[in-house]
Amino acid sequence: MPAKTDLRIIKSQRAIKKAFLELINEKGYANITITDIAKKAMINRKTFYIHYETKEILYNNIVDEFFEILSPALDSLQYLRGISQRKHIITLLLQVKEHKDVFNILYNDSTNTEFINKLKIKFNYDLISKAHIDEKTKNTHFTFELLSEAYFSLFMTFVQWWVNTSDDVSANEVVDMIIEFFSKKTLEILGINFNDYDKKN
């Protein structure tokens, strides 16, 4: 009997989460009510409250589940080097692509930046060393906040592009593209030559 009850709970929670994500995609987190979720999941409000006290708790539960998927690849990433770090980043990309529907809904919701904020914190903690950047940026106008924001934005631009539009590019090639983007070759591709600017000035 308990097994059947557990199965019903699992099914109900899955239905609620699926309905909630669909609603976020349709109208944005901030515009969703408990009544909307219950109607979409074909349950009553009482059933919703049996599983989740608020929509905030439901949202955080979904976000936490997503990060649990990414954690094996992200954890302690900044302490790895070379091939080991590269393998973890490739694993991270593959995990995001495997769960791209949830990722896209949470990442692209303009009414709630909580997911992006948590992703930035996780990204900055696991992929970037603040102590290293602070040391290297002494006596410059660069700050950890500026560089981490720029790197996060660039990294996520590549992730979104690869996850949603490019099936003929491997995760390994995406890592190469990210690395190459920070080289002078990218400036050459864009037609930017700072040597020319120096000469003119």
C-alpha atoms as a PDB file:
ATOM      1  CA  MET A   1       0.000   0.000   0.000  1.00  0.00           C
ATOM      2  CA  PRO A   2       2.738   2.581   0.837  1.00  0.00           C
ATOM      3  CA  ALA A   3       4.367   1.920  -2.547  1.00  0.00           C
ATOM      4  CA  LYS A   4       1.132   2.839  -4.318  1.00  0.00           C
ATOM      5  CA  THR A   5       0.834   6.002  -2.236  1.00  0.00           C
ATOM      6  CA  ASP A   6       4.422   6.967  -3.073  1.00  0.00           C
ATOM      7  CA  LEU A   7       3.734   6.408  -6.761  1.00  0.00           C
ATOM      8  CA  ARG A   8       0.684   8.656  -6.622  1.00  0.00           C
ATOM      9  CA  ILE A   9       2.712  11.362  -4.920  1.00  0.00           C
ATOM     10  CA  ILE A  10       5.434  11.125  -7.554  1.00  0.00           C
ATOM     11  CA  LYS A  11       2.900  11.290 -10.385  1.00  0.00           C
ATOM     12  CA  SER A  12       1.137  14.288  -8.834  1.00  0.00           C
ATOM     13  CA  GLN A  13       4.386  16.173  -8.310  1.00  0.00           C
ATOM     14  CA  ARG A  14       5.498  15.459 -11.859  1.00  0.00           C
ATOM     15  CA  ALA A  15       2.172  16.726 -13.206  1.00  0.00           C
ATOM     16  CA  ILE A  16       2.428  19.893 -11.094  1.00  0.00           C
ATOM     17  CA  LYS A  17       6.027  20.579 -12.178  1.00  0.00           C
ATOM     18  CA  LYS A  18       5.223  19.940 -15.842  1.00  0.00           C
ATOM     19  CA  ALA A  19       2.224  22.283 -15.691  1.00  0.00           C
ATOM     20  CA  PHE A  20       4.244  24.933 -13.852  1.00  0.00           C
ATOM     21  CA  LEU A  21       7.078  24.871 -16.381  1.00  0.00           C
ATOM     22  CA  GLU A  22       4.616  25.112 -19.266  1.00  0.00           C
ATOM     23  CA  LEU A  23       3.009  28.128 -17.616  1.00  0.00           C
ATOM     24  CA  ILE A  24       6.378  29.812 -17.042  1.00  0.00           C
ATOM     25  CA  ASN A  25       7.084  29.330 -20.727  1.00  0.00           C
ATOM     26  CA  GLU A  26       3.672  30.729 -21.677  1.00  0.00           C
ATOM     27  CA  LYS A  27       3.292  33.713 -19.356  1.00  0.00           C
ATOM     28  CA  GLY A  28       6.276  34.030 -17.025  1.00  0.00           C
ATOM     29  CA  TYR A  29       6.700  33.064 -13.391  1.00  0.00           C
ATOM     30  CA  ALA A  30       5.492  36.380 -11.974  1.00  0.00           C
ATOM     31  CA  ASN A  31       2.136  36.085 -13.755  1.00  0.00           C
ATOM     32  CA  ILE A  32       1.262  32.588 -12.531  1.00  0.00           C
ATOM     33  CA  THR A  33      -1.219  31.859  -9.736  1.00  0.00           C
ATOM     34  CA  ILE A  34      -1.790  28.657  -7.798  1.00  0.00           C
ATOM     35  CA  THR A  35      -5.164  28.424  -9.534  1.00  0.00           C
ATOM     36  CA  ASP A  36      -3.382  28.516 -12.916  1.00  0.00           C
ATOM     37  CA  ILE A  37      -1.109  25.671 -11.879  1.00  0.00           C
ATOM     38  CA  ALA A  38      -3.943  23.562 -10.477  1.00  0.00           C
ATOM     39  CA  LYS A  39      -6.026  24.063 -13.605  1.00  0.00           C
ATOM     40  CA  LYS A  40      -3.128  23.230 -15.925  1.00  0.00           C
ATOM     41  CA  ALA A  41      -2.214  20.129 -13.913  1.00  0.00           C
ATOM     42  CA  MET A  42      -5.885  19.120 -13.700  1.00  0.00           C
ATOM     43  CA  ILE A  43      -5.912  19.037  -9.907  1.00  0.00           C
ATOM     44  CA  ASN A  44      -7.596  21.158  -7.262  1.00  0.00           C
ATOM     45  CA  ARG A  45      -5.851  23.798  -5.155  1.00  0.00           C
ATOM     46  CA  LYS A  46      -6.002  21.565  -2.087  1.00  0.00           C
ATOM     47  CA  THR A  47      -3.992  18.896  -3.885  1.00  0.00           C
ATOM     48  CA  PHE A  48      -1.382  21.480  -4.844  1.00  0.00           C
ATOM     49  CA  TYR A  49      -0.956  22.582  -1.223  1.00  0.00           C
ATOM     50  CA  ILE A  50      -0.526  18.974  -0.112  1.00  0.00           C
ATOM     51  CA  HIS A  51       2.713  18.927  -2.113  1.00  0.00           C
ATOM     52  CA  TYR A  52       3.897  22.557  -2.086  1.00  0.00           C
ATOM     53  CA  GLU A  53       3.083  25.380   0.330  1.00  0.00           C
ATOM     54  CA  THR A  54       3.768  28.104  -2.247  1.00  0.00           C
ATOM     55  CA  LYS A  55       4.727  28.501  -5.875  1.00  0.00           C
ATOM     56  CA  GLU A  56       8.112  29.824  -4.652  1.00  0.00           C
ATOM     57  CA  ILE A  57       8.810  26.491  -2.967  1.00  0.00           C
ATOM     58  CA  LEU A  58       7.769  24.672  -6.146  1.00  0.00           C
ATOM     59  CA  TYR A  59      10.061  26.888  -8.229  1.00  0.00           C
ATOM     60  CA  ASN A  60      13.026  26.378  -5.903  1.00  0.00           C
ATOM     61  CA  ASN A  61      12.423  22.634  -5.936  1.00  0.00           C
ATOM     62  CA  ILE A  62      12.670  22.573  -9.734  1.00  0.00           C
ATOM     63  CA  VAL A  63      15.781  24.771  -9.726  1.00  0.00           C
ATOM     64  CA  ASP A  64      17.435  22.634  -7.039  1.00  0.00           C
ATOM     65  CA  GLU A  65      16.741  19.476  -9.050  1.00  0.00           C
ATOM     66  CA  PHE A  66      18.361  21.062 -12.095  1.00  0.00           C
ATOM     67  CA  PHE A  67      21.461  22.014 -10.140  1.00  0.00           C
ATOM     68  CA  GLU A  68      21.666  18.508  -8.690  1.00  0.00           C
ATOM     69  CA  ILE A  69      22.022  17.299 -12.275  1.00  0.00           C
ATOM     70  CA  LEU A  70      24.818  19.790 -12.980  1.00  0.00           C
ATOM     71  CA  SER A  71      26.629  19.464  -9.644  1.00  0.00           C
ATOM     72  CA  PRO A  72      28.797  16.437 -10.530  1.00  0.00           C
ATOM     73  CA  ALA A  73      30.285  18.434 -13.409  1.00  0.00           C
ATOM     74  CA  LEU A  74      30.432  21.812 -11.659  1.00  0.00           C
ATOM     75  CA  ASP A  75      31.647  20.927  -8.175  1.00  0.00           C
ATOM     76  CA  SER A  76      35.231  22.003  -7.527  1.00  0.00           C
ATOM     77  CA  LEU A  77      35.738  22.754 -11.228  1.00  0.00           C
ATOM     78  CA  GLN A  78      38.052  25.684 -10.480  1.00  0.00           C
ATOM     79  CA  TYR A  79      40.457  23.336  -8.698  1.00  0.00           C
ATOM     80  CA  LEU A  80      40.904  21.159 -11.766  1.00  0.00           C
ATOM     81  CA  ARG A  81      43.276  21.938 -14.596  1.00  0.00           C
ATOM     82  CA  GLY A  82      43.890  20.893 -18.180  1.00  0.00           C
ATOM     83  CA  ILE A  83      42.183  17.747 -19.441  1.00  0.00           C
ATOM     84  CA  SER A  84      40.328  17.111 -16.175  1.00  0.00           C
ATOM     85  CA  GLN A  85      38.703  20.550 -16.234  1.00  0.00           C
ATOM     86  CA  ARG A  86      37.906  20.222 -19.929  1.00  0.00           C
ATOM     87  CA  LYS A  87      36.168  16.875 -19.358  1.00  0.00           C
ATOM     88  CA  HIS A  88      34.022  18.378 -16.613  1.00  0.00           C
ATOM     89  CA  ILE A  89      33.021  21.322 -18.817  1.00  0.00           C
ATOM     90  CA  ILE A  90      32.089  18.944 -21.642  1.00  0.00           C
ATOM     91  CA  THR A  91      30.001  16.905 -19.206  1.00  0.00           C
ATOM     92  CA  LEU A  92      28.327  20.112 -18.052  1.00  0.00           C
ATOM     93  CA  LEU A  93      27.439  21.075 -21.631  1.00  0.00           C
ATOM     94  CA  LEU A  94      26.036  17.626 -22.351  1.00  0.00           C
ATOM     95  CA  GLN A  95      23.906  17.682 -19.196  1.00  0.00           C
ATOM     96  CA  VAL A  96      22.457  21.078 -20.087  1.00  0.00           C
ATOM     97  CA  LYS A  97      21.661  19.871 -23.604  1.00  0.00           C
ATOM     98  CA  GLU A  98      19.997  16.720 -22.277  1.00  0.00           C
ATOM     99  CA  HIS A  99      17.724  18.883 -20.107  1.00  0.00           C
ATOM    100  CA  LYS A 100      17.497  21.826 -22.485  1.00  0.00           C
ATOM    101  CA  ASP A 101      13.712  22.233 -22.196  1.00  0.00           C
ATOM    102  CA  VAL A 102      13.879  22.971 -18.476  1.00  0.00           C
ATOM    103  CA  PHE A 103      17.029  25.052 -18.942  1.00  0.00           C
ATOM    104  CA  ASN A 104      15.483  27.224 -21.657  1.00  0.00           C
ATOM    105  CA  ILE A 105      12.293  27.861 -19.694  1.00  0.00           C
ATOM    106  CA  LEU A 106      14.113  28.860 -16.512  1.00  0.00           C
ATOM    107  CA  TYR A 107      16.902  30.813 -18.222  1.00  0.00           C
ATOM    108  CA  ASN A 108      14.686  32.780 -20.605  1.00  0.00           C
ATOM    109  CA  ASP A 109      11.993  33.789 -18.113  1.00  0.00           C
ATOM    110  CA  SER A 110      12.201  37.589 -18.074  1.00  0.00           C
ATOM    111  CA  THR A 111       9.861  37.863 -15.067  1.00  0.00           C
ATOM    112  CA  ASN A 112      12.170  36.016 -12.671  1.00  0.00           C
ATOM    113  CA  THR A 113      15.972  36.214 -12.614  1.00  0.00           C
ATOM    114  CA  GLU A 114      16.413  33.871  -9.636  1.00  0.00           C
ATOM    115  CA  PHE A 115      17.616  30.972 -11.781  1.00  0.00           C
ATOM    116  CA  ILE A 116      20.202  33.111 -13.601  1.00  0.00           C
ATOM    117  CA  ASN A 117      21.389  34.612 -10.308  1.00  0.00           C
ATOM    118  CA  LYS A 118      21.880  31.159  -8.774  1.00  0.00           C
ATOM    119  CA  LEU A 119      23.600  29.991 -11.938  1.00  0.00           C
ATOM    120  CA  LYS A 120      26.002  32.951 -11.776  1.00  0.00           C
ATOM    121  CA  ILE A 121      26.834  32.234  -8.146  1.00  0.00           C
ATOM    122  CA  LYS A 122      27.450  28.567  -8.921  1.00  0.00           C
ATOM    123  CA  PHE A 123      29.429  29.470 -12.033  1.00  0.00           C
ATOM    124  CA  ASN A 124      31.602  31.994 -10.196  1.00  0.00           C
ATOM    125  CA  TYR A 125      32.264  29.646  -7.303  1.00  0.00           C
ATOM    126  CA  ASP A 126      33.011  26.490  -9.272  1.00  0.00           C
ATOM    127  CA  LEU A 127      34.552  27.743 -12.507  1.00  0.00           C
ATOM    128  CA  ILE A 128      36.353  30.947 -11.583  1.00  0.00           C
ATOM    129  CA  SER A 129      38.865  31.623  -8.829  1.00  0.00           C
ATOM    130  CA  LYS A 130      38.167  35.015  -7.226  1.00  0.00           C
ATOM    131  CA  ALA A 131      41.484  34.991  -5.398  1.00  0.00           C
ATOM    132  CA  HIS A 132      43.369  34.394  -8.660  1.00  0.00           C
ATOM    133  CA  ILE A 133      41.506  37.171 -10.491  1.00  0.00           C
ATOM    134  CA  ASP A 134      41.916  39.628  -7.603  1.00  0.00           C
ATOM    135  CA  GLU A 135      45.651  38.969  -7.643  1.00  0.00           C
ATOM    136  CA  LYS A 136      45.976  39.353 -11.410  1.00  0.00           C
ATOM    137  CA  THR A 137      43.873  42.528 -11.613  1.00  0.00           C
ATOM    138  CA  LYS A 138      45.769  44.572  -9.057  1.00  0.00           C
ATOM    139  CA  ASN A 139      46.518  48.084 -10.357  1.00  0.00           C
ATOM    140  CA  THR A 140      44.060  47.659 -13.261  1.00  0.00           C
ATOM    141  CA  HIS A 141      40.516  48.856 -13.912  1.00  0.00           C
ATOM    142  CA  PHE A 142      39.318  45.255 -14.073  1.00  0.00           C
ATOM    143  CA  THR A 143      37.381  43.779 -11.169  1.00  0.00           C
ATOM    144  CA  PHE A 144      36.261  40.260 -10.370  1.00  0.00           C
ATOM    145  CA  GLU A 145      32.631  41.322 -10.818  1.00  0.00           C
ATOM    146  CA  LEU A 146      33.274  42.797 -14.276  1.00  0.00           C
ATOM    147  CA  LEU A 147      35.323  39.877 -15.575  1.00  0.00           C
ATOM    148  CA  SER A 148      33.087  37.175 -14.126  1.00  0.00           C
ATOM    149  CA  GLU A 149      29.989  38.861 -15.571  1.00  0.00           C
ATOM    150  CA  ALA A 150      31.624  39.115 -19.001  1.00  0.00           C
ATOM    151  CA  TYR A 151      32.815  35.502 -18.925  1.00  0.00           C
ATOM    152  CA  PHE A 152      29.450  34.230 -17.685  1.00  0.00           C
ATOM    153  CA  SER A 153      27.604  36.108 -20.440  1.00  0.00           C
ATOM    154  CA  LEU A 154      29.941  34.785 -23.119  1.00  0.00           C
ATOM    155  CA  PHE A 155      29.876  31.232 -21.797  1.00  0.00           C
ATOM    156  CA  MET A 156      26.072  31.188 -21.635  1.00  0.00           C
ATOM    157  CA  THR A 157      25.817  32.682 -25.134  1.00  0.00           C
ATOM    158  CA  PHE A 158      27.761  29.708 -26.467  1.00  0.00           C
ATOM    159  CA  VAL A 159      25.749  27.272 -24.318  1.00  0.00           C
ATOM    160  CA  GLN A 160      22.409  28.610 -25.571  1.00  0.00           C
ATOM    161  CA  TRP A 161      23.582  28.626 -29.176  1.00  0.00           C
ATOM    162  CA  TRP A 162      24.880  25.051 -28.976  1.00  0.00           C
ATOM    163  CA  VAL A 163      21.972  23.649 -26.976  1.00  0.00           C
ATOM    164  CA  ASN A 164      19.298  25.089 -29.245  1.00  0.00           C
ATOM    165  CA  THR A 165      20.657  25.415 -32.761  1.00  0.00           C
ATOM    166  CA  SER A 166      23.731  23.335 -33.429  1.00  0.00           C
ATOM    167  CA  ASP A 167      23.464  19.549 -33.711  1.00  0.00           C
ATOM    168  CA  ASP A 168      26.540  19.213 -35.923  1.00  0.00           C
ATOM    169  CA  VAL A 169      28.983  20.698 -33.402  1.00  0.00           C
ATOM    170  CA  SER A 170      30.314  18.543 -30.567  1.00  0.00           C
ATOM    171  CA  ALA A 171      30.662  19.678 -26.953  1.00  0.00           C
ATOM    172  CA  ASN A 172      34.405  19.336 -27.375  1.00  0.00           C
ATOM    173  CA  GLU A 173      34.319  21.763 -30.309  1.00  0.00           C
ATOM    174  CA  VAL A 174      32.265  24.238 -28.276  1.00  0.00           C
ATOM    175  CA  VAL A 175      34.975  24.295 -25.615  1.00  0.00           C
ATOM    176  CA  ASP A 176      37.529  25.007 -28.365  1.00  0.00           C
ATOM    177  CA  MET A 177      35.348  27.860 -29.635  1.00  0.00           C
ATOM    178  CA  ILE A 178      35.065  29.408 -26.173  1.00  0.00           C
ATOM    179  CA  ILE A 179      38.836  29.251 -25.715  1.00  0.00           C
ATOM    180  CA  GLU A 180      39.463  30.654 -29.172  1.00  0.00           C
ATOM    181  CA  PHE A 181      37.029  33.498 -28.619  1.00  0.00           C
ATOM    182  CA  PHE A 182      39.375  34.979 -26.046  1.00  0.00           C
ATOM    183  CA  SER A 183      42.263  35.034 -28.504  1.00  0.00           C
ATOM    184  CA  LYS A 184      43.354  37.791 -30.882  1.00  0.00           C
ATOM    185  CA  LYS A 185      42.072  35.662 -33.755  1.00  0.00           C
ATOM    186  CA  THR A 186      38.495  36.615 -32.867  1.00  0.00           C
ATOM    187  CA  LEU A 187      39.361  40.301 -33.092  1.00  0.00           C
ATOM    188  CA  GLU A 188      40.886  39.654 -36.514  1.00  0.00           C
ATOM    189  CA  ILE A 189      37.710  37.861 -37.627  1.00  0.00           C
ATOM    190  CA  LEU A 190      35.672  40.859 -36.479  1.00  0.00           C
ATOM    191  CA  GLY A 191      38.001  43.193 -38.350  1.00  0.00           C
ATOM    192  CA  ILE A 192      39.259  44.871 -35.185  1.00  0.00           C
ATOM    193  CA  ASN A 193      42.943  45.750 -35.020  1.00  0.00           C
ATOM    194  CA  PHE A 194      43.936  47.823 -32.021  1.00  0.00           C
ATOM    195  CA  ASN A 195      47.370  48.411 -33.526  1.00  0.00           C
ATOM    196  CA  ASP A 196      45.653  50.501 -36.216  1.00  0.00           C
ATOM    197  CA  TYR A 197      43.876  52.525 -33.540  1.00  0.00           C
ATOM    198  CA  ASP A 198      47.167  53.161 -31.781  1.00  0.00           C
ATOM    199  CA  LYS A 199      48.720  54.427 -34.996  1.00  0.00           C
ATOM    200  CA  LYS A 200      45.846  56.815 -35.657  1.00  0.00           C
ATOM    201  CA  ASN A 201      46.086  58.244 -32.173  1.00  0.00           C
END
